[in-house]
Amino acid sequence: MSTIPRKAGAAIAAALIAGSGVYLLAPPAADASSHREAPLIASDPAVDNTDFYAFTSPDRPGFVTFILNVMPFEAPDGGPNFFPFATDATYNIKVDNDGDAKPDVHFKWTFRTDDRRGNKTFLYNDGPVTSLDDENLLVRQSYKLEASFDGGPFQLATGNAPVAPSRVGNASMPDYGTLRDAASIKLDGGWRIFAGQADDPFFLDLRVFDLLYGGDLSETGNDSLRGFNVNTIALEVPYKDVALGHDGTRNPVIGAWSTTERPKVRITGENRGVTGETVQVSRLGNPLINEVIVPAGLKDTFNASRPDQDAGNPALVARVNDPEVPQLLQKIYNVPAPAAPRADLAEIFLTGLTTKAGGPIPADLNSQLLNPDTNPDAFRPSEQLRLNLSTPVTAEPSRLGVLGGDLQGFPNGRRLTDDVVDISLQALVGAAQTGKLVDALGAGDKVDANDQGFLATFPYVALPNTALTGNPAAPAANQEGTGAAIDPALAAQSSPLGEAMLTTAAAGLAGAAGAALVVFGLLWRRRQTAAVAAPLPAPVAFTPGRAVGSARVDEPTLPPASDPFKTKID
């Protein structure tokens, strides 16, 4: 199978509406997709996978983009240290192209920090930053990207690529877009890579916790993640580098997931990088799995588990077949829950949509069993975000994905614009059984899109915010940082205590402001004509070198020293 016939598209969409229990894999958010979803990872945000996306690149035929986000709820004013990637952890994206639930392609990132502050200052930067090698940028990060293909040894893709810094503010970084562009790198072989801060692309109303939006859907319409940032790792590669047999036309279906790992032994107060044995601490494929499908007692276990262990976990399989959320919807909103066991969910959760696995949904869309070169005897059910690379890019995407008749959307991969919450609500209340949308929940959580527009080109995510704008009455922070200031009247409304606190705080701040400005003025030194510090070492040019079943490794080559950013995206 190489493509989906156009006539089959409507049939698949209809079948998925009739059997769209698939969307239960993305139930109403508990902690904003995978934000703080399990007890242990909630205390380790630097390695907390918040969201994972996989989609065919809309502007670049023949390429697929993966986006891994970590570190939830980054407040734009979260200084003075802001939000670096962990240097004693590994960040991973893994791809299974033959359905055995084991990674056939493994991309691995490790980071390092160059902190130049010492005992001189507490500031992240001590003047305006106009480039990644600006002397005023005192905390810098870079990363190494390695890749393994078909079980072979890891190859070095780049050894010292720059990270876009946390966006401190408009005075500190007057043209943050330039910094973002400088951190978007193109490698030999067509790869594009990026790591840095971005607006959190997930959108939803988190008041789901208050008896599922207030018990009467009155508590909806507020994007709880509006104004918050995340740390993003983005990677774009040709189909051939992730497809079975390196043939994305013949074998277009892949499954993917992200993980993070920490050293098994960590010594408080010391950072030795990634040394010794590591353990997996976070895992994410489909959105919201660990938040709502997995019960509290299994959440940490799921984060540490591998996909090839899923089918052998009876407690996990049981919760997929009889999840909790439909029962809650029935109790609160009197909407009958679909009868268990949910065979449609078992098909989507464990195999992908296919008629070859004996599931109830009559559709062939995104299971590795559809790849002609997959060995069906080696196929093992597992939870992954599955994507058919041959699905044509949709000219006018539907936020409801496949449920909205758009076969390129979730659960066939996941795009930044897919509204997985509203998709899930409809499936949970019976759309999977009746083939009809439930009018009572037709508006969903009334958050239908991200507050910031996404970019048309790699890395696609919006620039990071410079101000929190969670209140729906407040305007969103401009992408160039012209967000509105906090209104004291809003902060203190309906609260005499709030008014008193504001008055007291204003008096105290007025007294401290003068001294603070004097100190800050001494620290804030910008040399307009200062010599540029030594640039970051150049990214390593990289062409994936491997043949099917081979462990051959090509030696990386360096670009000419005279043009260290030769590979920067134009």
Protein backbone atom coordinates (compact mmCIF):
# COMPACT_ATOMS: atom_id res chain seq x y z
CA MET A 1 0.00 0.00 0.00
CA SER A 2 1.48 3.30 -1.02
CA THR A 3 -1.45 5.71 -1.11
CA ILE A 4 -5.05 5.92 0.02
CA PRO A 5 -7.42 6.02 -2.97
CA ARG A 6 -9.47 9.21 -2.96
CA LYS A 7 -12.74 7.28 -2.97
CA ALA A 8 -11.57 5.31 0.02
CA GLY A 9 -10.98 8.52 1.95
CA ALA A 10 -14.64 9.24 2.52
CA ALA A 11 -15.25 5.63 3.46
CA ILE A 12 -12.46 5.69 6.02
CA ALA A 13 -13.74 8.94 7.49
CA ALA A 14 -17.22 7.50 7.78
CA ALA A 15 -15.88 4.32 9.32
CA LEU A 16 -13.89 6.26 11.86
CA ILE A 17 -16.89 8.36 12.82
CA ALA A 18 -18.85 5.17 13.27
CA GLY A 19 -15.98 3.64 15.20
CA SER A 20 -14.24 6.70 16.48
CA GLY A 21 -13.48 5.28 19.87
CA VAL A 22 -9.99 5.99 18.62
CA TYR A 23 -10.40 9.42 20.08
CA LEU A 24 -10.68 8.03 23.55
CA LEU A 25 -6.93 7.83 23.30
CA ALA A 26 -7.11 11.60 23.76
CA PRO A 27 -9.73 12.16 26.47
CA PRO A 28 -10.38 15.55 28.06
CA ALA A 29 -7.10 16.85 29.38
CA ALA A 30 -6.13 16.22 32.96
CA ASP A 31 -2.91 18.17 33.04
CA ALA A 32 -2.88 19.64 29.56
CA SER A 33 -2.02 16.71 27.33
CA SER A 34 1.00 15.28 29.13
CA HIS A 35 1.80 18.17 31.46
CA ARG A 36 2.61 16.88 34.95
CA GLU A 37 0.63 13.69 34.30
CA ALA A 38 2.31 11.30 36.76
CA PRO A 39 3.51 11.67 40.38
CA LEU A 40 7.25 11.28 39.80
CA ILE A 41 7.60 13.27 36.57
CA ALA A 42 5.58 16.15 38.03
CA SER A 43 8.60 16.99 40.17
CA ASP A 44 11.06 16.85 37.25
CA PRO A 45 9.72 19.28 34.63
CA ALA A 46 12.93 19.51 32.60
CA VAL A 47 12.34 15.97 31.32
CA ASP A 48 8.53 15.94 31.39
CA ASN A 49 7.24 15.22 27.88
CA THR A 50 4.29 17.59 27.49
CA ASP A 51 3.26 16.88 23.89
CA PHE A 52 4.48 14.89 20.90
CA TYR A 53 3.58 15.63 17.28
CA ALA A 54 4.25 13.78 14.03
CA PHE A 55 3.01 15.04 10.67
CA THR A 56 4.03 15.24 7.05
CA SER A 57 5.68 18.59 6.40
CA PRO A 58 3.07 20.82 4.70
CA ASP A 59 5.64 22.91 2.84
CA ARG A 60 8.15 20.20 1.96
CA PRO A 61 6.89 17.08 0.12
CA GLY A 62 8.63 13.85 1.05
CA PHE A 63 9.58 15.01 4.57
CA VAL A 64 8.12 14.27 7.99
CA THR A 65 8.35 16.48 11.06
CA PHE A 66 8.54 15.35 14.69
CA ILE A 67 8.10 17.80 17.58
CA LEU A 68 8.90 16.91 21.18
CA ASN A 69 7.96 19.42 23.89
CA VAL A 70 9.12 19.35 27.50
CA MET A 71 8.98 21.50 30.62
CA PRO A 72 5.33 22.51 31.09
CA PHE A 73 3.96 25.86 32.29
CA GLU A 74 7.00 28.02 31.63
CA ALA A 75 6.00 31.52 32.73
CA PRO A 76 7.59 34.12 30.44
CA ASP A 77 8.94 36.06 33.45
CA GLY A 78 10.45 32.99 35.11
CA GLY A 79 13.94 34.39 35.69
CA PRO A 80 16.70 34.68 36.59
CA ASN A 81 17.62 31.17 35.44
CA PHE A 82 14.69 30.67 33.08
CA PHE A 83 14.30 27.27 31.43
CA PRO A 84 17.35 25.36 30.16
CA PHE A 85 17.22 21.82 28.85
CA ALA A 86 18.61 19.29 31.34
CA THR A 87 22.27 18.51 30.76
CA ASP A 88 22.16 15.22 32.67
CA ALA A 89 19.38 13.71 30.58
CA THR A 90 18.75 12.34 27.10
CA TYR A 91 15.78 13.30 24.96
CA ASN A 92 14.66 10.70 22.44
CA ILE A 93 12.35 10.20 19.47
CA LYS A 94 11.85 6.60 18.43
CA VAL A 95 10.26 5.20 15.28
CA ASP A 96 8.86 1.70 14.71
CA ASN A 97 8.32 1.05 11.01
CA ASP A 98 7.69 -2.71 11.01
CA GLY A 99 5.22 -3.04 13.89
CA ASP A 100 7.28 -5.11 16.30
CA ALA A 101 6.93 -2.36 18.95
CA LYS A 102 10.69 -1.77 19.01
CA PRO A 103 12.51 1.27 17.63
CA ASP A 104 13.98 0.84 14.16
CA VAL A 105 15.15 4.46 14.14
CA HIS A 106 16.31 6.25 17.29
CA PHE A 107 17.15 9.97 17.47
CA LYS A 108 18.92 11.07 20.66
CA TRP A 109 19.67 14.58 21.97
CA THR A 110 22.01 15.57 24.81
CA PHE A 111 22.61 19.15 25.94
CA ARG A 112 25.37 21.14 27.58
CA THR A 113 25.41 24.58 29.17
CA ASP A 114 27.97 27.37 28.98
CA ASP A 115 27.18 29.56 32.01
CA ARG A 116 29.43 32.61 31.99
CA ARG A 117 27.95 34.42 34.99
CA GLY A 118 30.21 33.04 37.68
CA ASN A 119 30.22 35.33 40.71
CA LYS A 120 29.77 38.48 38.64
CA THR A 121 26.01 38.66 38.16
CA PHE A 122 22.67 36.94 38.61
CA LEU A 123 21.42 37.99 35.15
CA TYR A 124 20.74 35.63 32.25
CA ASN A 125 21.98 38.44 29.99
CA ASP A 126 23.54 41.76 30.91
CA GLY A 127 22.50 43.73 27.84
CA PRO A 128 20.43 43.42 24.67
CA VAL A 129 21.03 40.14 22.82
CA THR A 130 21.01 40.35 19.03
CA SER A 131 22.73 37.08 18.09
CA LEU A 132 23.41 33.67 19.61
CA ASP A 133 27.07 34.57 20.12
CA ASP A 134 26.36 38.03 21.55
CA GLU A 135 28.67 38.70 24.51
CA ASN A 136 25.66 39.87 26.50
CA LEU A 137 24.11 36.39 26.43
CA LEU A 138 25.64 34.88 29.56
CA VAL A 139 23.86 31.51 29.59
CA ARG A 140 24.09 29.49 26.40
CA GLN A 141 23.20 25.96 25.50
CA SER A 142 24.18 23.65 22.67
CA TYR A 143 23.36 20.05 21.87
CA LYS A 144 24.54 16.87 20.24
CA LEU A 145 22.17 14.90 18.00
CA GLU A 146 22.86 11.26 17.27
CA ALA A 147 20.88 8.73 15.27
CA SER A 148 20.75 4.94 15.08
CA PHE A 149 19.21 3.07 12.15
CA ASP A 150 18.07 -0.54 12.00
CA GLY A 151 19.77 -1.43 15.28
CA GLY A 152 23.14 -0.08 14.22
CA PRO A 153 25.48 2.08 16.32
CA PHE A 154 24.70 5.73 16.86
CA GLN A 155 26.01 8.18 14.26
CA LEU A 156 26.81 11.79 15.01
CA ALA A 157 24.47 14.15 13.16
CA THR A 158 25.73 17.32 14.81
CA GLY A 159 28.04 17.82 17.75
CA ASN A 160 27.42 21.39 18.84
CA ALA A 161 24.24 22.94 17.49
CA PRO A 162 23.05 26.13 19.21
CA VAL A 163 19.87 26.32 21.30
CA ALA A 164 17.56 29.32 21.00
CA PRO A 165 17.65 30.93 24.48
CA SER A 166 14.69 31.54 26.75
CA ARG A 167 12.94 34.71 25.68
CA VAL A 168 13.72 37.05 28.54
CA GLY A 169 11.75 40.03 27.21
CA ASN A 170 11.67 42.72 24.57
CA ALA A 171 14.40 44.89 26.08
CA SER A 172 16.73 41.91 26.41
CA MET A 173 15.93 40.36 23.03
CA PRO A 174 14.50 43.05 20.74
CA ASP A 175 14.37 40.74 17.69
CA TYR A 176 13.80 37.24 19.01
CA GLY A 177 12.85 35.99 15.55
CA THR A 178 16.48 36.43 14.48
CA LEU A 179 17.62 34.23 17.36
CA ARG A 180 15.03 31.59 16.42
CA ASP A 181 16.22 31.62 12.80
CA ALA A 182 19.84 31.21 13.85
CA ALA A 183 18.93 28.10 15.86
CA SER A 184 17.06 26.53 12.92
CA ILE A 185 19.74 24.48 11.21
CA LYS A 186 19.77 22.53 7.95
CA LEU A 187 22.09 19.55 7.76
CA ASP A 188 23.40 17.64 4.78
CA GLY A 189 20.92 15.00 3.77
CA GLY A 190 18.05 17.46 4.04
CA TRP A 191 17.52 17.27 7.79
CA ARG A 192 16.30 20.38 9.59
CA ILE A 193 16.76 20.67 13.35
CA PHE A 194 15.76 23.10 16.06
CA ALA A 195 15.89 23.27 19.85
CA GLY A 196 14.73 26.17 21.96
CA GLN A 197 11.81 27.85 23.65
CA ALA A 198 8.41 28.20 21.98
CA ASP A 199 4.82 29.07 22.76
CA ASP A 200 3.05 25.99 24.15
CA PRO A 201 1.08 24.84 21.09
CA PHE A 202 -1.48 22.78 23.00
CA PHE A 203 -4.83 24.45 23.62
CA LEU A 204 -7.65 23.53 26.02
CA ASP A 205 -9.64 24.63 29.05
CA LEU A 206 -8.26 22.93 32.16
CA ARG A 207 -11.37 23.53 34.21
CA VAL A 208 -12.23 19.98 33.25
CA PHE A 209 -11.22 19.19 36.85
CA ASP A 210 -14.25 21.00 38.27
CA LEU A 211 -16.73 18.18 37.62
CA LEU A 212 -15.95 18.24 33.90
CA TYR A 213 -16.36 21.96 33.19
CA GLY A 214 -18.60 22.87 36.11
CA GLY A 215 -21.11 20.06 35.72
CA ASP A 216 -23.09 22.05 33.15
CA LEU A 217 -20.39 23.11 30.65
CA SER A 218 -20.49 26.64 32.05
CA GLU A 219 -16.75 26.69 32.71
CA THR A 220 -15.40 26.65 29.17
CA GLY A 221 -13.77 29.02 26.72
CA ASN A 222 -10.52 29.85 28.55
CA ASP A 223 -7.28 28.54 27.02
CA SER A 224 -5.50 27.52 30.21
CA LEU A 225 -2.12 27.38 28.45
CA ARG A 226 -2.40 30.78 26.85
CA GLY A 227 0.78 32.74 27.49
CA PHE A 228 2.84 29.79 28.71
CA ASN A 229 5.91 28.47 26.94
CA VAL A 230 7.63 25.10 26.57
CA ASN A 231 11.01 23.86 25.41
CA THR A 232 10.78 22.42 21.90
CA ILE A 233 12.89 19.91 20.01
CA ALA A 234 11.95 19.72 16.32
CA LEU A 235 13.31 17.41 13.64
CA GLU A 236 12.45 17.13 9.95
CA VAL A 237 13.80 14.20 7.91
CA PRO A 238 13.06 12.54 4.55
CA TYR A 239 10.57 9.68 4.53
CA LYS A 240 13.33 7.29 3.50
CA ASP A 241 15.17 7.83 6.75
CA VAL A 242 12.28 6.50 8.86
CA ALA A 243 10.34 4.18 6.53
CA LEU A 244 10.65 0.39 6.47
CA GLY A 245 13.22 -0.60 3.86
CA HIS A 246 13.92 3.12 3.45
CA ASP A 247 11.01 3.21 1.03
CA GLY A 248 8.27 5.60 2.11
CA THR A 249 6.25 4.92 -1.02
CA ARG A 250 6.04 1.17 -0.57
CA ASN A 251 5.96 1.19 3.25
CA PRO A 252 4.43 4.53 4.32
CA VAL A 253 3.15 3.73 7.82
CA ILE A 254 5.30 4.47 10.86
CA GLY A 255 4.71 4.57 14.60
CA ALA A 256 6.57 7.02 16.85
CA TRP A 257 6.93 8.09 20.46
CA SER A 258 9.18 10.27 22.58
CA THR A 259 11.00 9.44 25.81
CA THR A 260 13.39 11.06 28.25
CA GLU A 261 16.02 9.36 30.37
CA ARG A 262 17.98 10.25 33.49
CA PRO A 263 21.08 8.60 34.98
CA LYS A 264 20.04 5.78 37.26
CA VAL A 265 22.17 7.29 40.01
CA ARG A 266 22.09 11.08 40.50
CA ILE A 267 24.06 12.93 43.18
CA THR A 268 22.36 16.02 44.56
CA GLY A 269 24.35 19.18 43.86
CA GLU A 270 26.43 17.62 41.11
CA ASN A 271 25.88 17.56 37.37
CA ARG A 272 28.10 15.05 35.65
CA GLY A 273 26.15 14.97 32.41
CA VAL A 274 24.77 11.68 31.15
CA THR A 275 27.01 9.05 32.68
CA GLY A 276 26.51 5.43 33.63
CA GLU A 277 23.27 3.52 33.29
CA THR A 278 20.15 5.52 32.48
CA VAL A 279 16.48 4.90 33.18
CA GLN A 280 13.44 6.07 31.25
CA VAL A 281 11.40 8.59 33.22
CA SER A 282 8.86 9.83 30.67
CA ARG A 283 7.11 8.41 27.62
CA LEU A 284 4.60 9.94 25.21
CA GLY A 285 2.97 8.77 21.98
CA ASN A 286 -0.72 9.64 21.61
CA PRO A 287 -1.81 12.69 23.60
CA LEU A 288 -3.45 12.25 27.01
CA ILE A 289 -2.88 8.49 27.37
CA ASN A 290 -1.13 8.65 30.72
CA GLU A 291 -3.39 11.42 32.00
CA VAL A 292 -6.78 9.75 31.73
CA ILE A 293 -6.55 6.21 30.37
CA VAL A 294 -3.88 5.08 32.81
CA PRO A 295 -4.97 5.04 36.48
CA ALA A 296 -2.91 6.81 39.13
CA GLY A 297 -1.25 3.67 40.42
CA LEU A 298 0.16 2.80 37.00
CA LYS A 299 1.24 6.23 35.77
CA ASP A 300 4.87 6.07 36.86
CA THR A 301 5.09 2.50 35.59
CA PHE A 302 3.76 3.52 32.18
CA ASN A 303 6.30 6.34 31.95
CA ALA A 304 9.09 3.82 32.53
CA SER A 305 7.71 1.15 30.19
CA ARG A 306 8.40 0.30 26.54
CA PRO A 307 5.79 -0.17 23.82
CA ASP A 308 6.73 -3.85 23.41
CA GLN A 309 5.56 -4.34 27.01
CA ASP A 310 2.08 -2.86 26.49
CA ALA A 311 0.19 -5.90 25.28
CA GLY A 312 1.57 -7.91 28.21
CA ASN A 313 0.27 -5.42 30.77
CA PRO A 314 -3.23 -6.71 31.67
CA ALA A 315 -4.05 -3.73 33.89
CA LEU A 316 -3.31 -1.29 31.08
CA VAL A 317 -5.25 -3.29 28.49
CA ALA A 318 -8.22 -3.51 30.90
CA ARG A 319 -8.36 0.27 31.24
CA VAL A 320 -8.29 0.70 27.47
CA ASN A 321 -11.23 -1.71 27.15
CA ASP A 322 -13.20 -0.04 29.94
CA PRO A 323 -11.93 3.51 30.55
CA GLU A 324 -13.10 5.74 33.38
CA VAL A 325 -14.00 8.96 31.60
CA PRO A 326 -17.18 7.75 29.84
CA GLN A 327 -18.53 6.68 33.22
CA LEU A 328 -17.86 10.14 34.61
CA LEU A 329 -19.61 11.76 31.67
CA GLN A 330 -22.61 9.55 32.22
CA LYS A 331 -22.73 10.35 35.94
CA ILE A 332 -22.39 14.12 35.52
CA TYR A 333 -24.16 14.77 32.21
CA ASN A 334 -26.45 11.73 31.97
CA VAL A 335 -24.99 10.83 28.58
CA PRO A 336 -24.93 7.01 28.30
CA ALA A 337 -21.44 5.55 28.22
CA PRO A 338 -20.60 3.21 25.33
CA ALA A 339 -20.71 -0.41 26.41
CA ALA A 340 -17.49 -2.13 27.42
CA PRO A 341 -15.31 -3.77 26.33
CA ARG A 342 -14.25 -1.13 23.83
CA ALA A 343 -12.94 -3.28 21.00
CA ASP A 344 -12.57 -0.18 18.85
CA LEU A 345 -10.19 1.32 21.39
CA ALA A 346 -8.18 -1.86 21.61
CA GLU A 347 -7.73 -1.74 17.84
CA ILE A 348 -6.62 1.89 17.80
CA PHE A 349 -4.54 1.74 20.95
CA LEU A 350 -2.68 -1.44 20.12
CA THR A 351 -2.63 -1.99 16.36
CA GLY A 352 -3.58 1.12 14.42
CA LEU A 353 -6.54 1.27 12.06
CA THR A 354 -6.55 -1.77 9.83
CA THR A 355 -8.83 -4.58 8.72
CA LYS A 356 -5.87 -6.95 8.93
CA ALA A 357 -6.01 -7.26 12.74
CA GLY A 358 -9.63 -8.35 13.05
CA GLY A 359 -10.79 -5.17 14.78
CA PRO A 360 -14.28 -3.69 14.52
CA ILE A 361 -13.44 -0.56 12.49
CA PRO A 362 -13.67 -1.27 8.75
CA ALA A 363 -10.82 1.02 7.72
CA ASP A 364 -7.22 0.73 6.56
CA LEU A 365 -5.36 3.87 7.52
CA ASN A 366 -2.35 3.80 9.83
CA SER A 367 -1.22 0.36 11.01
CA GLN A 368 2.23 -0.97 10.19
CA LEU A 369 0.43 -4.14 9.07
CA LEU A 370 -0.44 -2.19 5.94
CA ASN A 371 3.23 -2.00 4.95
CA PRO A 372 3.83 -4.79 2.40
CA ASP A 373 7.24 -5.59 3.89
CA THR A 374 5.98 -5.95 7.47
CA ASN A 375 6.25 -9.49 8.82
CA PRO A 376 2.80 -10.08 10.36
CA ASP A 377 4.19 -12.84 12.58
CA ALA A 378 6.52 -10.34 14.25
CA PHE A 379 3.82 -7.68 14.71
CA ARG A 380 3.18 -6.81 18.34
CA PRO A 381 0.34 -4.57 19.52
CA SER A 382 1.55 -1.44 21.30
CA GLU A 383 0.69 2.19 22.00
CA GLN A 384 2.28 4.55 19.49
CA LEU A 385 1.37 7.68 17.54
CA ARG A 386 0.92 6.14 14.10
CA LEU A 387 1.20 8.08 10.86
CA ASN A 388 0.60 7.20 7.21
CA LEU A 389 3.13 9.26 5.29
CA SER A 390 1.24 8.79 2.01
CA THR A 391 -1.87 10.67 3.15
CA PRO A 392 -2.01 13.86 1.06
CA VAL A 393 -1.54 17.16 2.85
CA THR A 394 -4.95 18.74 3.44
CA ALA A 395 -5.42 22.11 1.77
CA GLU A 396 -7.90 23.23 4.42
CA PRO A 397 -7.26 21.18 7.59
CA SER A 398 -10.11 20.40 9.94
CA ARG A 399 -9.38 20.88 13.63
CA LEU A 400 -11.39 17.68 14.22
CA GLY A 401 -8.99 15.62 12.13
CA VAL A 402 -10.37 12.35 10.80
CA LEU A 403 -13.63 12.91 12.68
CA GLY A 404 -14.04 16.03 10.56
CA GLY A 405 -13.34 14.16 7.34
CA ASP A 406 -9.67 15.19 7.25
CA LEU A 407 -7.66 11.98 6.98
CA GLN A 408 -4.35 13.74 7.58
CA GLY A 409 -5.34 14.75 11.11
CA PHE A 410 -5.37 13.01 14.46
CA PRO A 411 -5.29 10.07 15.05
CA ASN A 412 -3.36 9.70 11.78
CA GLY A 413 -0.38 11.40 13.36
CA ARG A 414 -0.95 14.68 15.15
CA ARG A 415 -0.66 18.20 13.75
CA LEU A 416 -0.26 21.35 15.81
CA THR A 417 -3.79 22.46 14.90
CA ASP A 418 -5.60 19.21 15.78
CA ASP A 419 -8.16 19.79 18.56
CA VAL A 420 -7.68 16.50 20.35
CA VAL A 421 -9.86 17.53 23.30
CA ASP A 422 -13.03 18.19 21.30
CA ILE A 423 -12.39 15.10 19.18
CA SER A 424 -12.17 13.07 22.35
CA LEU A 425 -15.27 14.50 23.98
CA GLN A 426 -17.40 13.46 21.03
CA ALA A 427 -15.99 9.93 20.90
CA LEU A 428 -16.38 9.48 24.64
CA VAL A 429 -20.10 10.25 24.62
CA GLY A 430 -21.06 7.85 21.87
CA ALA A 431 -20.06 9.16 18.45
CA ALA A 432 -18.11 5.96 18.02
CA GLN A 433 -21.27 3.90 18.34
CA THR A 434 -23.87 6.08 16.62
CA GLY A 435 -21.88 7.81 13.90
CA LYS A 436 -23.42 11.11 15.00
CA LEU A 437 -22.01 14.01 16.95
CA VAL A 438 -23.62 14.55 20.34
CA ASP A 439 -25.28 17.97 20.31
CA ALA A 440 -25.06 18.37 24.08
CA LEU A 441 -21.28 18.55 23.81
CA GLY A 442 -21.11 20.07 20.35
CA ALA A 443 -19.17 23.13 21.53
CA GLY A 444 -16.61 21.05 23.41
CA ASP A 445 -14.42 23.17 25.67
CA LYS A 446 -14.87 26.21 23.36
CA VAL A 447 -11.11 26.47 22.85
CA ASP A 448 -10.84 25.63 19.17
CA ALA A 449 -7.37 26.91 18.28
CA ASN A 450 -4.10 28.04 19.77
CA ASP A 451 -3.90 31.67 20.86
CA GLN A 452 -0.81 32.18 18.69
CA GLY A 453 -0.71 31.41 14.98
CA PHE A 454 1.68 28.70 13.89
CA LEU A 455 4.46 29.27 11.36
CA ALA A 456 4.16 28.07 7.77
CA THR A 457 7.69 26.66 7.74
CA PHE A 458 9.97 24.68 10.02
CA PRO A 459 9.97 24.56 13.03
CA TYR A 460 6.27 25.56 12.75
CA VAL A 461 5.79 26.36 16.46
CA ALA A 462 5.05 29.99 17.40
CA LEU A 463 7.64 32.23 19.04
CA PRO A 464 7.66 32.15 22.85
CA ASN A 465 5.41 34.51 24.78
CA THR A 466 6.67 37.52 26.70
CA ALA A 467 3.63 37.88 28.98
CA LEU A 468 1.05 35.61 30.56
CA THR A 469 -2.37 36.15 28.99
CA GLY A 470 -4.47 33.39 30.52
CA ASN A 471 -7.46 35.66 31.20
CA PRO A 472 -9.63 35.52 28.06
CA ALA A 473 -10.29 39.26 28.40
CA ALA A 474 -6.59 40.02 28.05
CA PRO A 475 -5.02 40.30 24.58
CA ALA A 476 -2.49 37.69 23.55
CA ALA A 477 1.16 38.64 23.71
CA ASN A 478 2.33 39.78 20.31
CA GLN A 479 4.82 37.48 18.60
CA GLU A 480 7.31 40.31 18.72
CA GLY A 481 6.62 40.82 22.37
CA THR A 482 4.14 43.67 22.67
CA GLY A 483 1.90 41.92 25.18
CA ALA A 484 -0.39 43.95 27.40
CA ALA A 485 0.62 44.69 30.97
CA ILE A 486 -1.33 43.16 33.86
CA ASP A 487 -4.32 45.26 34.86
CA PRO A 488 -4.26 45.84 38.65
CA ALA A 489 -8.03 46.17 38.63
CA LEU A 490 -8.34 42.66 37.26
CA ALA A 491 -5.85 41.30 39.75
CA ALA A 492 -7.77 42.69 42.71
CA GLN A 493 -11.36 42.53 41.50
CA SER A 494 -13.93 41.22 44.01
CA SER A 495 -11.22 40.95 46.64
CA PRO A 496 -10.65 43.59 49.38
CA LEU A 497 -7.62 41.59 50.43
CA GLY A 498 -6.34 41.82 46.89
CA GLU A 499 -6.73 45.59 46.91
CA ALA A 500 -4.84 45.87 50.17
CA MET A 501 -2.05 43.66 48.86
CA LEU A 502 -1.75 45.72 45.70
CA THR A 503 -1.58 48.96 47.68
CA THR A 504 1.07 47.61 50.04
CA ALA A 505 3.05 46.06 47.21
CA ALA A 506 2.97 49.30 45.21
CA ALA A 507 4.37 51.26 48.14
CA GLY A 508 7.12 48.74 48.75
CA LEU A 509 8.03 48.52 45.09
CA ALA A 510 8.20 52.30 44.77
CA GLY A 511 10.73 52.45 47.58
CA ALA A 512 12.82 49.64 46.18
CA ALA A 513 12.63 50.67 42.54
CA GLY A 514 15.19 53.48 42.75
CA ALA A 515 17.89 51.36 44.36
CA ALA A 516 17.16 48.47 42.05
CA LEU A 517 17.49 50.67 38.98
CA VAL A 518 20.84 52.01 40.15
CA VAL A 519 22.20 48.49 40.63
CA PHE A 520 20.68 47.31 37.40
CA GLY A 521 22.12 50.27 35.49
CA LEU A 522 25.59 49.31 36.65
CA LEU A 523 25.06 45.74 35.53
CA TRP A 524 23.41 46.60 32.24
CA ARG A 525 26.37 47.25 30.02
CA ARG A 526 25.98 47.12 26.32
CA ARG A 527 29.06 47.67 24.17
CA GLN A 528 27.60 48.87 20.89
CA THR A 529 30.84 48.29 19.01
CA ALA A 530 32.29 45.49 21.10
CA ALA A 531 34.15 42.69 19.44
CA VAL A 532 32.02 39.62 18.83
CA ALA A 533 32.81 36.68 21.06
CA ALA A 534 34.03 33.47 19.49
CA PRO A 535 31.10 31.88 17.61
CA LEU A 536 29.70 28.52 18.57
CA PRO A 537 31.44 25.60 16.85
CA ALA A 538 29.82 24.80 13.53
CA PRO A 539 27.13 22.15 13.24
CA VAL A 540 28.41 18.92 11.78
CA ALA A 541 27.25 18.20 8.23
CA PHE A 542 25.48 14.86 8.21
CA THR A 543 24.22 12.39 5.66
CA PRO A 544 22.60 9.26 7.12
CA GLY A 545 24.80 6.38 6.04
CA ARG A 546 23.26 2.97 6.22
CA ALA A 547 21.91 0.16 4.12
CA VAL A 548 19.11 -2.23 5.01
CA GLY A 549 20.40 -4.61 7.64
CA SER A 550 23.76 -2.88 7.75
CA ALA A 551 25.59 -1.26 10.64
CA ARG A 552 27.78 0.85 8.34
CA VAL A 553 28.49 4.31 9.68
CA ASP A 554 29.64 7.29 7.62
CA GLU A 555 32.15 9.57 9.26
CA PRO A 556 30.73 13.08 9.73
CA THR A 557 32.40 15.93 7.90
CA LEU A 558 32.81 19.50 9.06
CA PRO A 559 31.75 22.54 7.01
CA PRO A 560 34.52 25.00 6.09
CA ALA A 561 35.72 26.89 9.14
CA SER A 562 35.26 30.18 7.28
CA ASP A 563 31.48 29.69 7.16
CA PRO A 564 30.45 28.12 10.48
CA PHE A 565 26.74 28.61 9.82
CA LYS A 566 26.79 27.32 6.27
CA THR A 567 23.90 25.01 7.03
CA LYS A 568 21.59 27.65 8.54
CA ILE A 569 18.16 27.66 6.93
CA ASP A 570 17.72 30.45 4.41
